[in-house]
Amino acid sequence: MREFEERIITLGLPYSFGGPRFYERLEIRDALAYLRCVAQPADDLAFERIVNTPKAGLGESTLQIVHEYARRARFR
C-alpha cells in the first residue's frame, strides 16, 4: 500500500502531508475497495464498503438478496 503513496510523491502530484494518513482517507479506502472487487470478486468486505457509497438507500434485506445471488452465480 505504501507503494501508491510513494508513487504519488514521485510523480509530483499535489499531496498534503497534514491531516489523516494517506490510507486512512475515506476516498482512498473506497478506491482500494473498488480495485479489490475487480481483482477479487468474492471479497464481500470490499463489496459492502462500496455498494452503498454514495448512499443508495439499500437496506439489509436487499444486500442479503444480492449476496445470495452472487454466491449462487459464483458456483455455476
PDB file of N, CA and C in Angstrom:
ATOM      1  N   MET A   1       0.810  -1.181   0.000  1.00  0.00           N
ATOM      2  CA  MET A   1       0.000   0.000   0.000  1.00  0.00           C
ATOM      3  C   MET A   1       0.860   1.254   0.000  1.00  0.00           C
ATOM      4  N   ARG A   2       1.931   1.189   0.696  1.00  0.00           N
ATOM      5  CA  ARG A   2       2.830   2.335   0.765  1.00  0.00           C
ATOM      6  C   ARG A   2       3.360   2.696  -0.630  1.00  0.00           C
ATOM      7  N   GLU A   3       3.388   1.705  -1.541  1.00  0.00           N
ATOM      8  CA  GLU A   3       3.894   1.946  -2.889  1.00  0.00           C
ATOM      9  C   GLU A   3       3.080   3.021  -3.612  1.00  0.00           C
ATOM     10  N   PHE A   4       1.747   3.000  -3.400  1.00  0.00           N
ATOM     11  CA  PHE A   4       0.901   4.011  -4.030  1.00  0.00           C
ATOM     12  C   PHE A   4       1.291   5.412  -3.564  1.00  0.00           C
ATOM     13  N   GLU A   5       1.442   5.557  -2.267  1.00  0.00           N
ATOM     14  CA  GLU A   5       1.789   6.861  -1.713  1.00  0.00           C
ATOM     15  C   GLU A   5       3.147   7.323  -2.231  1.00  0.00           C
ATOM     16  N   GLU A   6       4.114   6.429  -2.271  1.00  0.00           N
ATOM     17  CA  GLU A   6       5.447   6.792  -2.762  1.00  0.00           C
ATOM     18  C   GLU A   6       5.408   7.180  -4.234  1.00  0.00           C
ATOM     19  N   ARG A   7       4.597   6.483  -5.025  1.00  0.00           N
ATOM     20  CA  ARG A   7       4.492   6.793  -6.455  1.00  0.00           C
ATOM     21  C   ARG A   7       3.860   8.161  -6.665  1.00  0.00           C
ATOM     22  N   ILE A   8       2.845   8.486  -5.879  1.00  0.00           N
ATOM     23  CA  ILE A   8       2.204   9.795  -5.981  1.00  0.00           C
ATOM     24  C   ILE A   8       3.210  10.898  -5.686  1.00  0.00           C
ATOM     25  N   ILE A   9       4.030  10.690  -4.676  1.00  0.00           N
ATOM     26  CA  ILE A   9       5.056  11.669  -4.331  1.00  0.00           C
ATOM     27  C   ILE A   9       6.068  11.779  -5.462  1.00  0.00           C
ATOM     28  N   THR A  10       6.484  10.631  -6.025  1.00  0.00           N
ATOM     29  CA  THR A  10       7.462  10.614  -7.118  1.00  0.00           C
ATOM     30  C   THR A  10       6.939  11.361  -8.342  1.00  0.00           C
ATOM     31  N   LEU A  11       5.647  11.194  -8.654  1.00  0.00           N
ATOM     32  CA  LEU A  11       5.048  11.853  -9.814  1.00  0.00           C
ATOM     33  C   LEU A  11       4.828  13.343  -9.593  1.00  0.00           C
ATOM     34  N   GLY A  12       4.952  13.787  -8.362  1.00  0.00           N
ATOM     35  CA  GLY A  12       4.776  15.205  -8.064  1.00  0.00           C
ATOM     36  C   GLY A  12       3.328  15.645  -8.030  1.00  0.00           C
ATOM     37  N   LEU A  13       2.415  14.710  -7.806  1.00  0.00           N
ATOM     38  CA  LEU A  13       1.007  15.071  -7.703  1.00  0.00           C
ATOM     39  C   LEU A  13       0.780  15.825  -6.401  1.00  0.00           C
ATOM     40  N   PRO A  14      -0.148  16.791  -6.411  1.00  0.00           N
ATOM     41  CA  PRO A  14      -0.420  17.522  -5.178  1.00  0.00           C
ATOM     42  C   PRO A  14      -0.805  16.556  -4.063  1.00  0.00           C
ATOM     43  N   TYR A  15      -0.144  16.689  -2.974  1.00  0.00           N
ATOM     44  CA  TYR A  15      -0.340  15.751  -1.874  1.00  0.00           C
ATOM     45  C   TYR A  15      -0.118  16.488  -0.569  1.00  0.00           C
ATOM     46  N   SER A  16      -1.050  16.342   0.337  1.00  0.00           N
ATOM     47  CA  SER A  16      -0.958  17.023   1.617  1.00  0.00           C
ATOM     48  C   SER A  16      -0.436  16.066   2.673  1.00  0.00           C
ATOM     49  N   PHE A  17       0.543  16.492   3.440  1.00  0.00           N
ATOM     50  CA  PHE A  17       1.100  15.648   4.495  1.00  0.00           C
ATOM     51  C   PHE A  17       0.406  15.863   5.823  1.00  0.00           C
ATOM     52  N   GLY A  18      -0.440  16.868   5.898  1.00  0.00           N
ATOM     53  CA  GLY A  18      -1.173  17.113   7.128  1.00  0.00           C
ATOM     54  C   GLY A  18      -2.474  16.324   7.144  1.00  0.00           C
ATOM     55  N   GLY A  19      -3.121  16.293   8.250  1.00  0.00           N
ATOM     56  CA  GLY A  19      -4.409  15.609   8.340  1.00  0.00           C
ATOM     57  C   GLY A  19      -4.247  14.110   8.456  1.00  0.00           C
ATOM     58  N   PRO A  20      -5.293  13.375   8.057  1.00  0.00           N
ATOM     59  CA  PRO A  20      -5.227  11.913   8.204  1.00  0.00           C
ATOM     60  C   PRO A  20      -4.167  11.302   7.300  1.00  0.00           C
ATOM     61  N   ARG A  21      -3.663  10.175   7.731  1.00  0.00           N
ATOM     62  CA  ARG A  21      -2.673   9.477   6.911  1.00  0.00           C
ATOM     63  C   ARG A  21      -3.322   9.073   5.597  1.00  0.00           C
ATOM     64  N   PHE A  22      -2.501   8.868   4.589  1.00  0.00           N
ATOM     65  CA  PHE A  22      -2.972   8.620   3.226  1.00  0.00           C
ATOM     66  C   PHE A  22      -3.999   7.493   3.179  1.00  0.00           C
ATOM     67  N   TYR A  23      -3.699   6.351   3.750  1.00  0.00           N
ATOM     68  CA  TYR A  23      -4.578   5.188   3.637  1.00  0.00           C
ATOM     69  C   TYR A  23      -5.733   5.208   4.629  1.00  0.00           C
ATOM     70  N   GLU A  24      -5.805   6.220   5.460  1.00  0.00           N
ATOM     71  CA  GLU A  24      -6.936   6.370   6.360  1.00  0.00           C
ATOM     72  C   GLU A  24      -8.008   7.277   5.766  1.00  0.00           C
ATOM     73  N   ARG A  25      -7.703   7.921   4.638  1.00  0.00           N
ATOM     74  CA  ARG A  25      -8.672   8.800   3.989  1.00  0.00           C
ATOM     75  C   ARG A  25      -9.781   7.969   3.365  1.00  0.00           C
ATOM     76  N   LEU A  26     -11.020   8.408   3.509  1.00  0.00           N
ATOM     77  CA  LEU A  26     -12.168   7.651   3.015  1.00  0.00           C
ATOM     78  C   LEU A  26     -12.109   7.407   1.512  1.00  0.00           C
ATOM     79  N   GLU A  27     -11.731   8.435   0.746  1.00  0.00           N
ATOM     80  CA  GLU A  27     -11.724   8.264  -0.712  1.00  0.00           C
ATOM     81  C   GLU A  27     -10.665   7.257  -1.159  1.00  0.00           C
ATOM     82  N   ILE A  28      -9.550   7.180  -0.450  1.00  0.00           N
ATOM     83  CA  ILE A  28      -8.510   6.207  -0.777  1.00  0.00           C
ATOM     84  C   ILE A  28      -8.988   4.808  -0.404  1.00  0.00           C
ATOM     85  N   ARG A  29      -9.608   4.669   0.751  1.00  0.00           N
ATOM     86  CA  ARG A  29     -10.132   3.358   1.174  1.00  0.00           C
ATOM     87  C   ARG A  29     -11.222   2.878   0.214  1.00  0.00           C
ATOM     88  N   ASP A  30     -12.076   3.799  -0.259  1.00  0.00           N
ATOM     89  CA  ASP A  30     -13.119   3.440  -1.216  1.00  0.00           C
ATOM     90  C   ASP A  30     -12.507   3.020  -2.557  1.00  0.00           C
ATOM     91  N   ALA A  31     -11.516   3.766  -3.037  1.00  0.00           N
ATOM     92  CA  ALA A  31     -10.866   3.424  -4.306  1.00  0.00           C
ATOM     93  C   ALA A  31     -10.214   2.045  -4.220  1.00  0.00           C
ATOM     94  N   LEU A  32      -9.556   1.752  -3.117  1.00  0.00           N
ATOM     95  CA  LEU A  32      -8.936   0.441  -2.946  1.00  0.00           C
ATOM     96  C   LEU A  32      -9.988  -0.664  -2.867  1.00  0.00           C
ATOM     97  N   ALA A  33     -11.142  -0.367  -2.286  1.00  0.00           N
ATOM     98  CA  ALA A  33     -12.219  -1.359  -2.235  1.00  0.00           C
ATOM     99  C   ALA A  33     -12.729  -1.673  -3.641  1.00  0.00           C
ATOM    100  N   TYR A  34     -12.844  -0.643  -4.488  1.00  0.00           N
ATOM    101  CA  TYR A  34     -13.240  -0.887  -5.882  1.00  0.00           C
ATOM    102  C   TYR A  34     -12.215  -1.786  -6.582  1.00  0.00           C
ATOM    103  N   LEU A  35     -10.946  -1.497  -6.393  1.00  0.00           N
ATOM    104  CA  LEU A  35      -9.897  -2.318  -7.013  1.00  0.00           C
ATOM    105  C   LEU A  35      -9.937  -3.750  -6.491  1.00  0.00           C
ATOM    106  N   ARG A  36     -10.189  -3.913  -5.202  1.00  0.00           N
ATOM    107  CA  ARG A  36     -10.273  -5.267  -4.632  1.00  0.00           C
ATOM    108  C   ARG A  36     -11.457  -6.027  -5.210  1.00  0.00           C
ATOM    109  N   CYS A  37     -12.581  -5.356  -5.442  1.00  0.00           N
ATOM    110  CA  CYS A  37     -13.749  -6.014  -6.036  1.00  0.00           C
ATOM    111  C   CYS A  37     -13.473  -6.464  -7.465  1.00  0.00           C
ATOM    112  N   VAL A  38     -12.726  -5.673  -8.190  1.00  0.00           N
ATOM    113  CA  VAL A  38     -12.379  -6.050  -9.557  1.00  0.00           C
ATOM    114  C   VAL A  38     -11.420  -7.236  -9.551  1.00  0.00           C
ATOM    115  N   ALA A  39     -10.424  -7.190  -8.692  1.00  0.00           N
ATOM    116  CA  ALA A  39      -9.406  -8.237  -8.652  1.00  0.00           C
ATOM    117  C   ALA A  39      -9.899  -9.508  -7.972  1.00  0.00           C
ATOM    118  N   GLN A  40     -10.763  -9.353  -6.976  1.00  0.00           N
ATOM    119  CA  GLN A  40     -11.252 -10.497  -6.195  1.00  0.00           C
ATOM    120  C   GLN A  40     -12.767 -10.358  -6.018  1.00  0.00           C
ATOM    121  N   PRO A  41     -13.537 -10.827  -6.984  1.00  0.00           N
ATOM    122  CA  PRO A  41     -14.991 -10.653  -6.920  1.00  0.00           C
ATOM    123  C   PRO A  41     -15.652 -11.261  -5.682  1.00  0.00           C
ATOM    124  N   ALA A  42     -14.999 -12.181  -5.015  1.00  0.00           N
ATOM    125  CA  ALA A  42     -15.586 -12.808  -3.825  1.00  0.00           C
ATOM    126  C   ALA A  42     -15.305 -12.026  -2.545  1.00  0.00           C
ATOM    127  N   ASP A  43     -14.699 -10.867  -2.647  1.00  0.00           N
ATOM    128  CA  ASP A  43     -14.356 -10.057  -1.475  1.00  0.00           C
ATOM    129  C   ASP A  43     -15.601  -9.329  -0.967  1.00  0.00           C
ATOM    130  N   ASP A  44     -16.326  -9.960  -0.056  1.00  0.00           N
ATOM    131  CA  ASP A  44     -17.569  -9.390   0.461  1.00  0.00           C
ATOM    132  C   ASP A  44     -17.344  -8.094   1.224  1.00  0.00           C
ATOM    133  N   LEU A  45     -16.253  -7.989   1.938  1.00  0.00           N
ATOM    134  CA  LEU A  45     -15.983  -6.774   2.711  1.00  0.00           C
ATOM    135  C   LEU A  45     -15.812  -5.563   1.807  1.00  0.00           C
ATOM    136  N   ALA A  46     -15.066  -5.733   0.722  1.00  0.00           N
ATOM    137  CA  ALA A  46     -14.867  -4.631  -0.218  1.00  0.00           C
ATOM    138  C   ALA A  46     -16.198  -4.256  -0.866  1.00  0.00           C
ATOM    139  N   PHE A  47     -16.984  -5.260  -1.227  1.00  0.00           N
ATOM    140  CA  PHE A  47     -18.290  -5.000  -1.839  1.00  0.00           C
ATOM    141  C   PHE A  47     -19.185  -4.212  -0.891  1.00  0.00           C
ATOM    142  N   GLU A  48     -19.232  -4.615   0.364  1.00  0.00           N
ATOM    143  CA  GLU A  48     -20.083  -3.928   1.332  1.00  0.00           C
ATOM    144  C   GLU A  48     -19.632  -2.489   1.560  1.00  0.00           C
ATOM    145  N   ARG A  49     -18.346  -2.245   1.415  1.00  0.00           N
ATOM    146  CA  ARG A  49     -17.845  -0.878   1.585  1.00  0.00           C
ATOM    147  C   ARG A  49     -18.349   0.030   0.465  1.00  0.00           C
ATOM    148  N   ILE A  50     -18.395  -0.479  -0.762  1.00  0.00           N
ATOM    149  CA  ILE A  50     -18.711   0.387  -1.899  1.00  0.00           C
ATOM    150  C   ILE A  50     -20.151   0.316  -2.368  1.00  0.00           C
ATOM    151  N   VAL A  51     -20.892  -0.718  -1.980  1.00  0.00           N
ATOM    152  CA  VAL A  51     -22.234  -0.901  -2.533  1.00  0.00           C
ATOM    153  C   VAL A  51     -23.166   0.255  -2.185  1.00  0.00           C
ATOM    154  N   ASN A  52     -22.995   0.878  -1.071  1.00  0.00           N
ATOM    155  CA  ASN A  52     -23.889   1.945  -0.646  1.00  0.00           C
ATOM    156  C   ASN A  52     -23.167   3.289  -0.560  1.00  0.00           C
ATOM    157  N   THR A  53     -22.106   3.451  -1.346  1.00  0.00           N
ATOM    158  CA  THR A  53     -21.350   4.698  -1.360  1.00  0.00           C
ATOM    159  C   THR A  53     -21.360   5.264  -2.769  1.00  0.00           C
ATOM    160  N   PRO A  54     -21.993   6.379  -3.048  1.00  0.00           N
ATOM    161  CA  PRO A  54     -22.778   7.201  -2.134  1.00  0.00           C
ATOM    162  C   PRO A  54     -24.084   6.496  -1.770  1.00  0.00           C
ATOM    163  N   LYS A  55     -24.737   6.994  -0.751  1.00  0.00           N
ATOM    164  CA  LYS A  55     -25.937   6.356  -0.227  1.00  0.00           C
ATOM    165  C   LYS A  55     -26.955   6.104  -1.341  1.00  0.00           C
ATOM    166  N   ALA A  56     -27.367   4.853  -1.463  1.00  0.00           N
ATOM    167  CA  ALA A  56     -28.344   4.475  -2.480  1.00  0.00           C
ATOM    168  C   ALA A  56     -29.634   3.990  -1.835  1.00  0.00           C
ATOM    169  N   GLY A  57     -29.666   3.956  -0.522  1.00  0.00           N
ATOM    170  CA  GLY A  57     -30.868   3.539   0.177  1.00  0.00           C
ATOM    171  C   GLY A  57     -31.073   2.033   0.191  1.00  0.00           C
ATOM    172  N   LEU A  58     -30.016   1.272  -0.016  1.00  0.00           N
ATOM    173  CA  LEU A  58     -30.131  -0.186   0.033  1.00  0.00           C
ATOM    174  C   LEU A  58     -30.138  -0.634   1.479  1.00  0.00           C
ATOM    175  N   GLY A  59     -31.142  -1.419   1.824  1.00  0.00           N
ATOM    176  CA  GLY A  59     -31.249  -1.909   3.186  1.00  0.00           C
ATOM    177  C   GLY A  59     -30.603  -3.269   3.355  1.00  0.00           C
ATOM    178  N   GLU A  60     -30.665  -3.769   4.582  1.00  0.00           N
ATOM    179  CA  GLU A  60     -30.061  -5.060   4.909  1.00  0.00           C
ATOM    180  C   GLU A  60     -30.664  -6.205   4.099  1.00  0.00           C
ATOM    181  N   SER A  61     -31.989  -6.196   3.931  1.00  0.00           N
ATOM    182  CA  SER A  61     -32.624  -7.301   3.197  1.00  0.00           C
ATOM    183  C   SER A  61     -32.221  -7.298   1.727  1.00  0.00           C
ATOM    184  N   THR A  62     -32.114  -6.123   1.129  1.00  0.00           N
ATOM    185  CA  THR A  62     -31.682  -6.043  -0.262  1.00  0.00           C
ATOM    186  C   THR A  62     -30.244  -6.515  -0.404  1.00  0.00           C
ATOM    187  N   LEU A  63     -29.380  -6.104   0.502  1.00  0.00           N
ATOM    188  CA  LEU A  63     -27.985  -6.553   0.460  1.00  0.00           C
ATOM    189  C   LEU A  63     -27.884  -8.061   0.640  1.00  0.00           C
ATOM    190  N   GLN A  64     -28.733  -8.623   1.485  1.00  0.00           N
ATOM    191  CA  GLN A  64     -28.747 -10.070   1.686  1.00  0.00           C
ATOM    192  C   GLN A  64     -29.123 -10.783   0.389  1.00  0.00           C
ATOM    193  N   ILE A  65     -30.110 -10.277  -0.327  1.00  0.00           N
ATOM    194  CA  ILE A  65     -30.521 -10.861  -1.607  1.00  0.00           C
ATOM    195  C   ILE A  65     -29.380 -10.796  -2.613  1.00  0.00           C
ATOM    196  N   VAL A  66     -28.695  -9.657  -2.676  1.00  0.00           N
ATOM    197  CA  VAL A  66     -27.563  -9.501  -3.602  1.00  0.00           C
ATOM    198  C   VAL A  66     -26.455 -10.494  -3.258  1.00  0.00           C
ATOM    199  N   HIS A  67     -26.143 -10.645  -1.974  1.00  0.00           N
ATOM    200  CA  HIS A  67     -25.104 -11.595  -1.551  1.00  0.00           C
ATOM    201  C   HIS A  67     -25.481 -13.033  -1.920  1.00  0.00           C
ATOM    202  N   GLU A  68     -26.729 -13.406  -1.682  1.00  0.00           N
ATOM    203  CA  GLU A  68     -27.168 -14.765  -2.010  1.00  0.00           C
ATOM    204  C   GLU A  68     -27.087 -15.019  -3.511  1.00  0.00           C
ATOM    205  N   TYR A  69     -27.508 -14.041  -4.300  1.00  0.00           N
ATOM    206  CA  TYR A  69     -27.439 -14.168  -5.758  1.00  0.00           C
ATOM    207  C   TYR A  69     -25.989 -14.324  -6.216  1.00  0.00           C
ATOM    208  N   ALA A  70     -25.107 -13.511  -5.659  1.00  0.00           N
ATOM    209  CA  ALA A  70     -23.690 -13.567  -6.048  1.00  0.00           C
ATOM    210  C   ALA A  70     -23.074 -14.919  -5.691  1.00  0.00           C
ATOM    211  N   ARG A  71     -23.412 -15.439  -4.539  1.00  0.00           N
ATOM    212  CA  ARG A  71     -22.871 -16.750  -4.138  1.00  0.00           C
ATOM    213  C   ARG A  71     -23.365 -17.853  -5.060  1.00  0.00           C
ATOM    214  N   ARG A  72     -24.650 -17.811  -5.432  1.00  0.00           N
ATOM    215  CA  ARG A  72     -25.189 -18.838  -6.349  1.00  0.00           C
ATOM    216  C   ARG A  72     -24.524 -18.706  -7.724  1.00  0.00           C
ATOM    217  N   ALA A  73     -24.345 -17.492  -8.188  1.00  0.00           N
ATOM    218  CA  ALA A  73     -23.745 -17.268  -9.513  1.00  0.00           C
ATOM    219  C   ALA A  73     -22.288 -17.708  -9.550  1.00  0.00           C
ATOM    220  N   ARG A  74     -21.578 -17.606  -8.434  1.00  0.00           N
ATOM    221  CA  ARG A  74     -20.177 -18.000  -8.367  1.00  0.00           C
ATOM    222  C   ARG A  74     -19.966 -19.482  -8.572  1.00  0.00           C
ATOM    223  N   PHE A  75     -20.913 -20.276  -8.135  1.00  0.00           N
ATOM    224  CA  PHE A  75     -20.743 -21.725  -8.145  1.00  0.00           C
ATOM    225  C   PHE A  75     -21.383 -22.391  -9.360  1.00  0.00           C
ATOM    226  N   ARG A  76     -21.713 -21.641 -10.355  1.00  0.00           N
ATOM    227  CA  ARG A  76     -22.291 -22.216 -11.584  1.00  0.00           C
ATOM    228  C   ARG A  76     -21.218 -22.573 -12.548  1.00  0.00           C
TER     229      ARG A  76
END
